[in-house]
Amino acid sequence: MAAAGASVVVGGRDERAAKTVKAEIEDAGGVAAVALGDITRRPDVERVFSEAVTRFGAVDILVNNAGTCIHSPALEVSDTDWDLVFDTNVKGPWLCSQVFGRHMIERRRGVIVNVGSMSGEIVNRPQWQPAYNASKAAVHHLTRSLAAEWAPYGIRVNALAPGYMRTDMSPVDEPRFRQNWIDDAPMRRVGEPAELRGAIVFLASDDSSFMTGSILNIDGGYRVF
């Protein structure tokens, strides 16, 4: 987003990580600020929004990218684990969309990009992760719901649905997952985070001006088999 010309507010709970991203953006010639907060808490989200508007005057784009996953068979998922996944993956984007969306509606312009997952449409294997799968399906349908309701106000809402990506949350290099995650997929490799850059910028920009309520899958063809 910064490379495409956006001023970026880096949100999150980890101050060190947020400041690292801010520094990377600034070292590359971009503009960035940090606003710390827990997206599962409305007061924190409202504070992040307030700091963003104070720093830059308005918010044009919201990217809901926080997420977590717990690998556990259904009968072993505790209430605590279920709540953790749904609070982070669903409640967080909901609170952010509601708080930032109110501002966008007042301005009659804005774009929201939710980061869903191909897991919102498939059941992953060999690991079981019912809470995560259900949460991402909820993100996808929340995307459609907000897109339908807010389109008359000039707000577009779309979602990105990545496949297996090389991130801290996805143990793509563990041999026990290789057969199902990599070898059985058409491209026979995992994705790199940089391969999502163009899609995020596309969904956030006027190049997708006639697109709302859509789920853009980038999974190396994983879902075709």
C-alpha atoms as a PDB file:
ATOM      1  CA  MET A   1       0.000   0.000   0.000  1.00  0.00           C
ATOM      2  CA  ALA A   2       2.807   2.385   0.866  1.00  0.00           C
ATOM      3  CA  ALA A   3       4.669   1.596  -2.353  1.00  0.00           C
ATOM      4  CA  ALA A   4       1.495   2.455  -4.271  1.00  0.00           C
ATOM      5  CA  GLY A   5       1.372   5.882  -2.629  1.00  0.00           C
ATOM      6  CA  ALA A   6      -0.816   5.392   0.437  1.00  0.00           C
ATOM      7  CA  SER A   7      -0.023   6.866   3.825  1.00  0.00           C
ATOM      8  CA  VAL A   8      -0.242   3.875   6.152  1.00  0.00           C
ATOM      9  CA  VAL A   9      -1.353   3.579   9.762  1.00  0.00           C
ATOM     10  CA  VAL A  10       0.102   0.355  11.153  1.00  0.00           C
ATOM     11  CA  GLY A  11      -2.215  -1.114  13.779  1.00  0.00           C
ATOM     12  CA  GLY A  12      -1.699  -3.993  16.161  1.00  0.00           C
ATOM     13  CA  ARG A  13      -0.835  -4.962  19.733  1.00  0.00           C
ATOM     14  CA  ASP A  14       2.902  -5.484  19.277  1.00  0.00           C
ATOM     15  CA  GLU A  15       4.650  -2.118  19.472  1.00  0.00           C
ATOM     16  CA  ARG A  16       8.031  -3.436  18.370  1.00  0.00           C
ATOM     17  CA  ALA A  17       6.588  -5.192  15.310  1.00  0.00           C
ATOM     18  CA  ALA A  18       4.502  -2.152  14.355  1.00  0.00           C
ATOM     19  CA  LYS A  19       7.478   0.175  14.636  1.00  0.00           C
ATOM     20  CA  THR A  20       9.551  -2.219  12.524  1.00  0.00           C
ATOM     21  CA  VAL A  21       6.963  -2.072   9.732  1.00  0.00           C
ATOM     22  CA  LYS A  22       6.774   1.721  10.055  1.00  0.00           C
ATOM     23  CA  ALA A  23      10.546   1.972   9.713  1.00  0.00           C
ATOM     24  CA  GLU A  24      10.555  -0.311   6.668  1.00  0.00           C
ATOM     25  CA  ILE A  25       7.934   1.871   4.984  1.00  0.00           C
ATOM     26  CA  GLU A  26       9.804   5.079   5.771  1.00  0.00           C
ATOM     27  CA  ASP A  27      13.154   3.635   4.671  1.00  0.00           C
ATOM     28  CA  ALA A  28      11.523   2.900   1.307  1.00  0.00           C
ATOM     29  CA  GLY A  29      10.356   6.509   1.014  1.00  0.00           C
ATOM     30  CA  GLY A  30       6.781   6.012   2.251  1.00  0.00           C
ATOM     31  CA  VAL A  31       4.734   7.670   4.953  1.00  0.00           C
ATOM     32  CA  ALA A  32       3.581   5.723   7.998  1.00  0.00           C
ATOM     33  CA  ALA A  33       2.367   6.042  11.569  1.00  0.00           C
ATOM     34  CA  VAL A  34       1.711   3.564  14.374  1.00  0.00           C
ATOM     35  CA  ALA A  35      -1.565   3.284  16.314  1.00  0.00           C
ATOM     36  CA  LEU A  36      -1.540   0.492  18.873  1.00  0.00           C
ATOM     37  CA  GLY A  37      -4.645  -1.335  19.989  1.00  0.00           C
ATOM     38  CA  ASP A  38      -6.481  -4.638  20.335  1.00  0.00           C
ATOM     39  CA  ILE A  39      -9.013  -4.949  17.513  1.00  0.00           C
ATOM     40  CA  THR A  40     -11.250  -7.163  19.636  1.00  0.00           C
ATOM     41  CA  ARG A  41     -11.933  -4.193  21.968  1.00  0.00           C
ATOM     42  CA  ARG A  42     -14.161  -1.399  20.713  1.00  0.00           C
ATOM     43  CA  PRO A  43     -12.440   1.375  22.756  1.00  0.00           C
ATOM     44  CA  ASP A  44      -9.098   0.362  21.236  1.00  0.00           C
ATOM     45  CA  VAL A  45     -10.519   0.395  17.712  1.00  0.00           C
ATOM     46  CA  GLU A  46     -12.058   3.811  18.291  1.00  0.00           C
ATOM     47  CA  ARG A  47      -8.734   5.102  19.587  1.00  0.00           C
ATOM     48  CA  VAL A  48      -6.860   3.732  16.565  1.00  0.00           C
ATOM     49  CA  PHE A  49      -9.408   5.403  14.299  1.00  0.00           C
ATOM     50  CA  SER A  50      -9.079   8.702  16.161  1.00  0.00           C
ATOM     51  CA  GLU A  51      -5.293   8.626  15.938  1.00  0.00           C
ATOM     52  CA  ALA A  52      -5.443   7.845  12.218  1.00  0.00           C
ATOM     53  CA  VAL A  53      -7.767  10.769  11.521  1.00  0.00           C
ATOM     54  CA  THR A  54      -5.708  13.093  13.709  1.00  0.00           C
ATOM     55  CA  ARG A  55      -2.545  12.125  11.839  1.00  0.00           C
ATOM     56  CA  PHE A  56      -3.854  12.105   8.264  1.00  0.00           C
ATOM     57  CA  GLY A  57      -7.190  13.936   8.317  1.00  0.00           C
ATOM     58  CA  ALA A  58      -9.322  11.089   6.963  1.00  0.00           C
ATOM     59  CA  VAL A  59      -9.299   7.370   6.242  1.00  0.00           C
ATOM     60  CA  ASP A  60      -9.891   6.192   2.673  1.00  0.00           C
ATOM     61  CA  ILE A  61      -8.962   2.511   2.986  1.00  0.00           C
ATOM     62  CA  LEU A  62      -9.274  -0.091   5.736  1.00  0.00           C
ATOM     63  CA  VAL A  63      -7.430  -3.414   5.443  1.00  0.00           C
ATOM     64  CA  ASN A  64      -8.562  -5.982   8.023  1.00  0.00           C
ATOM     65  CA  ASN A  65      -5.595  -8.332   8.173  1.00  0.00           C
ATOM     66  CA  ALA A  66      -5.368  -9.623  11.765  1.00  0.00           C
ATOM     67  CA  GLY A  67      -5.940 -13.336  12.137  1.00  0.00           C
ATOM     68  CA  THR A  68      -5.194 -16.446  14.153  1.00  0.00           C
ATOM     69  CA  CYS A  69      -5.662 -20.205  13.745  1.00  0.00           C
ATOM     70  CA  ILE A  70      -5.789 -23.212  16.045  1.00  0.00           C
ATOM     71  CA  HIS A  71      -5.259 -26.703  14.628  1.00  0.00           C
ATOM     72  CA  SER A  72      -7.495 -28.975  16.646  1.00  0.00           C
ATOM     73  CA  PRO A  73     -10.170 -31.633  15.949  1.00  0.00           C
ATOM     74  CA  ALA A  74     -13.704 -30.437  16.616  1.00  0.00           C
ATOM     75  CA  LEU A  75     -14.198 -32.408  19.845  1.00  0.00           C
ATOM     76  CA  GLU A  76     -10.974 -30.969  21.261  1.00  0.00           C
ATOM     77  CA  VAL A  77     -11.734 -27.298  20.588  1.00  0.00           C
ATOM     78  CA  SER A  78     -12.261 -25.553  23.902  1.00  0.00           C
ATOM     79  CA  ASP A  79     -14.609 -22.617  24.397  1.00  0.00           C
ATOM     80  CA  THR A  80     -11.548 -20.448  25.004  1.00  0.00           C
ATOM     81  CA  ASP A  81      -9.942 -21.493  21.715  1.00  0.00           C
ATOM     82  CA  TRP A  82     -13.180 -20.985  19.780  1.00  0.00           C
ATOM     83  CA  ASP A  83     -13.681 -17.526  21.269  1.00  0.00           C
ATOM     84  CA  LEU A  84     -10.065 -16.545  20.578  1.00  0.00           C
ATOM     85  CA  VAL A  85     -10.367 -17.430  16.891  1.00  0.00           C
ATOM     86  CA  PHE A  86     -13.755 -15.788  16.404  1.00  0.00           C
ATOM     87  CA  ASP A  87     -12.858 -12.688  18.415  1.00  0.00           C
ATOM     88  CA  THR A  88      -9.735 -12.119  16.317  1.00  0.00           C
ATOM     89  CA  ASN A  89     -10.961 -13.247  12.908  1.00  0.00           C
ATOM     90  CA  VAL A  90     -14.585 -12.071  12.955  1.00  0.00           C
ATOM     91  CA  LYS A  91     -15.276  -9.667  15.799  1.00  0.00           C
ATOM     92  CA  GLY A  92     -12.123  -7.683  15.025  1.00  0.00           C
ATOM     93  CA  PRO A  93     -12.959  -7.017  11.366  1.00  0.00           C
ATOM     94  CA  TRP A  94     -16.560  -6.328  12.384  1.00  0.00           C
ATOM     95  CA  LEU A  95     -15.585  -3.683  14.948  1.00  0.00           C
ATOM     96  CA  CYS A  96     -13.057  -2.077  12.616  1.00  0.00           C
ATOM     97  CA  SER A  97     -15.500  -2.056   9.718  1.00  0.00           C
ATOM     98  CA  GLN A  98     -18.226  -0.529  11.855  1.00  0.00           C
ATOM     99  CA  VAL A  99     -16.029   2.189  13.385  1.00  0.00           C
ATOM    100  CA  PHE A 100     -14.174   3.109  10.201  1.00  0.00           C
ATOM    101  CA  GLY A 101     -17.235   2.475   8.029  1.00  0.00           C
ATOM    102  CA  ARG A 102     -19.243   5.134   9.856  1.00  0.00           C
ATOM    103  CA  HIS A 103     -16.549   7.664   8.920  1.00  0.00           C
ATOM    104  CA  MET A 104     -16.543   6.459   5.310  1.00  0.00           C
ATOM    105  CA  ILE A 105     -20.323   6.711   5.064  1.00  0.00           C
ATOM    106  CA  GLU A 106     -20.197  10.280   6.336  1.00  0.00           C
ATOM    107  CA  ARG A 107     -17.668  11.058   3.590  1.00  0.00           C
ATOM    108  CA  ARG A 108     -19.594   8.918   1.063  1.00  0.00           C
ATOM    109  CA  ARG A 109     -16.431   7.220  -0.079  1.00  0.00           C
ATOM    110  CA  GLY A 110     -14.118   4.472   1.097  1.00  0.00           C
ATOM    111  CA  VAL A 111     -12.812   0.964   0.534  1.00  0.00           C
ATOM    112  CA  ILE A 112     -12.603  -1.976   2.916  1.00  0.00           C
ATOM    113  CA  VAL A 113     -10.443  -5.000   2.124  1.00  0.00           C
ATOM    114  CA  ASN A 114     -10.927  -8.016   4.380  1.00  0.00           C
ATOM    115  CA  VAL A 115      -8.357 -10.785   4.412  1.00  0.00           C
ATOM    116  CA  GLY A 116     -10.278 -14.035   4.368  1.00  0.00           C
ATOM    117  CA  SER A 117      -8.910 -17.405   3.302  1.00  0.00           C
ATOM    118  CA  MET A 118      -9.530 -20.248   0.915  1.00  0.00           C
ATOM    119  CA  SER A 119     -10.428 -22.040   4.171  1.00  0.00           C
ATOM    120  CA  GLY A 120     -13.687 -20.122   4.084  1.00  0.00           C
ATOM    121  CA  GLU A 121     -14.651 -22.330   1.127  1.00  0.00           C
ATOM    122  CA  ILE A 122     -12.831 -25.630   1.722  1.00  0.00           C
ATOM    123  CA  VAL A 123     -11.969 -27.947   4.598  1.00  0.00           C
ATOM    124  CA  ASN A 124      -8.198 -28.145   5.006  1.00  0.00           C
ATOM    125  CA  ARG A 125      -6.373 -31.427   5.524  1.00  0.00           C
ATOM    126  CA  PRO A 126      -4.634 -33.305   7.068  1.00  0.00           C
ATOM    127  CA  GLN A 127      -5.018 -30.947  10.049  1.00  0.00           C
ATOM    128  CA  TRP A 128      -8.468 -30.079  11.376  1.00  0.00           C
ATOM    129  CA  GLN A 129      -9.286 -26.444  12.113  1.00  0.00           C
ATOM    130  CA  PRO A 130     -13.085 -26.038  12.351  1.00  0.00           C
ATOM    131  CA  ALA A 131     -12.991 -22.742  14.235  1.00  0.00           C
ATOM    132  CA  TYR A 132     -10.702 -21.114  11.673  1.00  0.00           C
ATOM    133  CA  ASN A 133     -12.653 -22.431   8.693  1.00  0.00           C
ATOM    134  CA  ALA A 134     -15.951 -21.223  10.123  1.00  0.00           C
ATOM    135  CA  SER A 135     -14.470 -17.847  11.024  1.00  0.00           C
ATOM    136  CA  LYS A 136     -13.186 -17.221   7.504  1.00  0.00           C
ATOM    137  CA  ALA A 137     -16.523 -18.249   5.996  1.00  0.00           C
ATOM    138  CA  ALA A 138     -18.031 -15.628   8.301  1.00  0.00           C
ATOM    139  CA  VAL A 139     -15.533 -13.028   7.070  1.00  0.00           C
ATOM    140  CA  HIS A 140     -16.500 -13.750   3.476  1.00  0.00           C
ATOM    141  CA  HIS A 141     -20.201 -13.375   4.156  1.00  0.00           C
ATOM    142  CA  LEU A 142     -19.674 -10.288   6.304  1.00  0.00           C
ATOM    143  CA  THR A 143     -17.853  -8.879   3.289  1.00  0.00           C
ATOM    144  CA  ARG A 144     -20.880  -9.500   1.068  1.00  0.00           C
ATOM    145  CA  SER A 145     -23.294  -8.161   3.676  1.00  0.00           C
ATOM    146  CA  LEU A 146     -21.447  -4.880   4.154  1.00  0.00           C
ATOM    147  CA  ALA A 147     -20.894  -4.521   0.405  1.00  0.00           C
ATOM    148  CA  ALA A 148     -24.619  -4.782  -0.259  1.00  0.00           C
ATOM    149  CA  GLU A 149     -25.625  -2.418   2.532  1.00  0.00           C
ATOM    150  CA  TRP A 150     -22.982   0.253   1.986  1.00  0.00           C
ATOM    151  CA  ALA A 151     -22.777   0.388  -1.805  1.00  0.00           C
ATOM    152  CA  PRO A 152     -25.332   3.262  -1.959  1.00  0.00           C
ATOM    153  CA  TYR A 153     -22.953   5.312   0.197  1.00  0.00           C
ATOM    154  CA  GLY A 154     -20.023   4.857  -2.162  1.00  0.00           C
ATOM    155  CA  ILE A 155     -18.307   2.225  -0.028  1.00  0.00           C
ATOM    156  CA  ARG A 156     -16.816  -0.870  -1.638  1.00  0.00           C
ATOM    157  CA  VAL A 157     -16.082  -3.999   0.420  1.00  0.00           C
ATOM    158  CA  ASN A 158     -14.162  -6.957  -0.971  1.00  0.00           C
ATOM    159  CA  ALA A 159     -12.092  -9.790   0.451  1.00  0.00           C
ATOM    160  CA  LEU A 160      -8.836 -11.477  -0.426  1.00  0.00           C
ATOM    161  CA  ALA A 161      -8.730 -15.262   0.088  1.00  0.00           C
ATOM    162  CA  PRO A 162      -5.137 -16.523   0.110  1.00  0.00           C
ATOM    163  CA  GLY A 163      -4.110 -20.143  -0.023  1.00  0.00           C
ATOM    164  CA  TYR A 164      -1.096 -21.552   1.778  1.00  0.00           C
ATOM    165  CA  MET A 165       1.352 -18.673   2.236  1.00  0.00           C
ATOM    166  CA  ARG A 166       4.806 -18.631   3.819  1.00  0.00           C
ATOM    167  CA  THR A 167       3.953 -16.785   7.036  1.00  0.00           C
ATOM    168  CA  ASP A 168       4.522 -17.345  10.746  1.00  0.00           C
ATOM    169  CA  MET A 169       0.973 -18.658  11.072  1.00  0.00           C
ATOM    170  CA  SER A 170       1.340 -21.333   8.390  1.00  0.00           C
ATOM    171  CA  PRO A 171       3.909 -24.131   9.008  1.00  0.00           C
ATOM    172  CA  VAL A 172       4.382 -24.746   5.295  1.00  0.00           C
ATOM    173  CA  ASP A 173       7.835 -26.293   5.683  1.00  0.00           C
ATOM    174  CA  GLU A 174       6.752 -29.115   8.006  1.00  0.00           C
ATOM    175  CA  PRO A 175       7.133 -32.433   6.088  1.00  0.00           C
ATOM    176  CA  ARG A 176       3.835 -33.812   7.466  1.00  0.00           C
ATOM    177  CA  PHE A 177       1.910 -31.183   5.532  1.00  0.00           C
ATOM    178  CA  ARG A 178       3.778 -31.328   2.238  1.00  0.00           C
ATOM    179  CA  GLN A 179       1.668 -33.992   0.483  1.00  0.00           C
ATOM    180  CA  ASN A 180      -1.686 -32.276   1.065  1.00  0.00           C
ATOM    181  CA  TRP A 181      -0.610 -28.652   1.085  1.00  0.00           C
ATOM    182  CA  ILE A 182       1.947 -28.587  -1.713  1.00  0.00           C
ATOM    183  CA  ASP A 183       2.316 -31.769  -3.759  1.00  0.00           C
ATOM    184  CA  ASP A 184      -1.440 -32.140  -4.381  1.00  0.00           C
ATOM    185  CA  ALA A 185      -1.818 -28.522  -5.574  1.00  0.00           C
ATOM    186  CA  PRO A 186      -1.471 -27.579  -9.267  1.00  0.00           C
ATOM    187  CA  MET A 187       1.473 -25.200  -8.792  1.00  0.00           C
ATOM    188  CA  ARG A 188       3.136 -27.517  -6.245  1.00  0.00           C
ATOM    189  CA  ARG A 189       4.470 -24.703  -4.088  1.00  0.00           C
ATOM    190  CA  VAL A 190       3.329 -22.280  -1.411  1.00  0.00           C
ATOM    191  CA  GLY A 191       2.752 -18.609  -1.999  1.00  0.00           C
ATOM    192  CA  GLU A 192       5.017 -15.815  -0.852  1.00  0.00           C
ATOM    193  CA  PRO A 193       3.485 -12.776   0.900  1.00  0.00           C
ATOM    194  CA  ALA A 194       4.842 -10.492  -1.830  1.00  0.00           C
ATOM    195  CA  GLU A 195       2.580 -12.305  -4.300  1.00  0.00           C
ATOM    196  CA  LEU A 196      -0.446 -10.738  -2.598  1.00  0.00           C
ATOM    197  CA  ARG A 197       0.764  -7.147  -3.092  1.00  0.00           C
ATOM    198  CA  GLY A 198      -0.872  -6.560  -6.441  1.00  0.00           C
ATOM    199  CA  ALA A 199      -4.197  -8.005  -5.310  1.00  0.00           C
ATOM    200  CA  ILE A 200      -4.374  -5.845  -2.180  1.00  0.00           C
ATOM    201  CA  VAL A 201      -3.551  -2.697  -4.128  1.00  0.00           C
ATOM    202  CA  PHE A 202      -6.038  -3.652  -6.858  1.00  0.00           C
ATOM    203  CA  LEU A 203      -8.887  -4.162  -4.393  1.00  0.00           C
ATOM    204  CA  ALA A 204      -8.067  -0.900  -2.606  1.00  0.00           C
ATOM    205  CA  SER A 205      -7.690   1.208  -5.745  1.00  0.00           C
ATOM    206  CA  ASP A 206      -9.971   2.682  -8.377  1.00  0.00           C
ATOM    207  CA  ASP A 207      -8.846  -0.089 -10.734  1.00  0.00           C
ATOM    208  CA  SER A 208     -11.517  -2.223  -9.026  1.00  0.00           C
ATOM    209  CA  SER A 209     -14.108   0.569  -8.970  1.00  0.00           C
ATOM    210  CA  PHE A 210     -16.947  -1.679 -10.257  1.00  0.00           C
ATOM    211  CA  MET A 211     -16.131  -4.523  -7.867  1.00  0.00           C
ATOM    212  CA  THR A 212     -17.771  -5.043  -4.491  1.00  0.00           C
ATOM    213  CA  GLY A 213     -18.899  -8.040  -2.465  1.00  0.00           C
ATOM    214  CA  SER A 214     -16.313 -10.219  -4.218  1.00  0.00           C
ATOM    215  CA  ILE A 215     -13.905 -12.793  -2.782  1.00  0.00           C
ATOM    216  CA  LEU A 216     -10.628 -12.815  -4.719  1.00  0.00           C
ATOM    217  CA  ASN A 217      -8.902 -16.187  -4.383  1.00  0.00           C
ATOM    218  CA  ILE A 218      -5.127 -16.391  -4.708  1.00  0.00           C
ATOM    219  CA  ASP A 219      -4.225 -19.967  -3.878  1.00  0.00           C
ATOM    220  CA  GLY A 220      -1.990 -21.322  -6.634  1.00  0.00           C
ATOM    221  CA  GLY A 221      -4.972 -23.231  -7.987  1.00  0.00           C
ATOM    222  CA  TYR A 222      -5.399 -25.251  -4.779  1.00  0.00           C
ATOM    223  CA  ARG A 223      -9.204 -25.205  -4.929  1.00  0.00           C
ATOM    224  CA  VAL A 224      -9.456 -26.559  -8.474  1.00  0.00           C
ATOM    225  CA  PHE A 225      -8.722 -30.148  -7.373  1.00  0.00           C
END
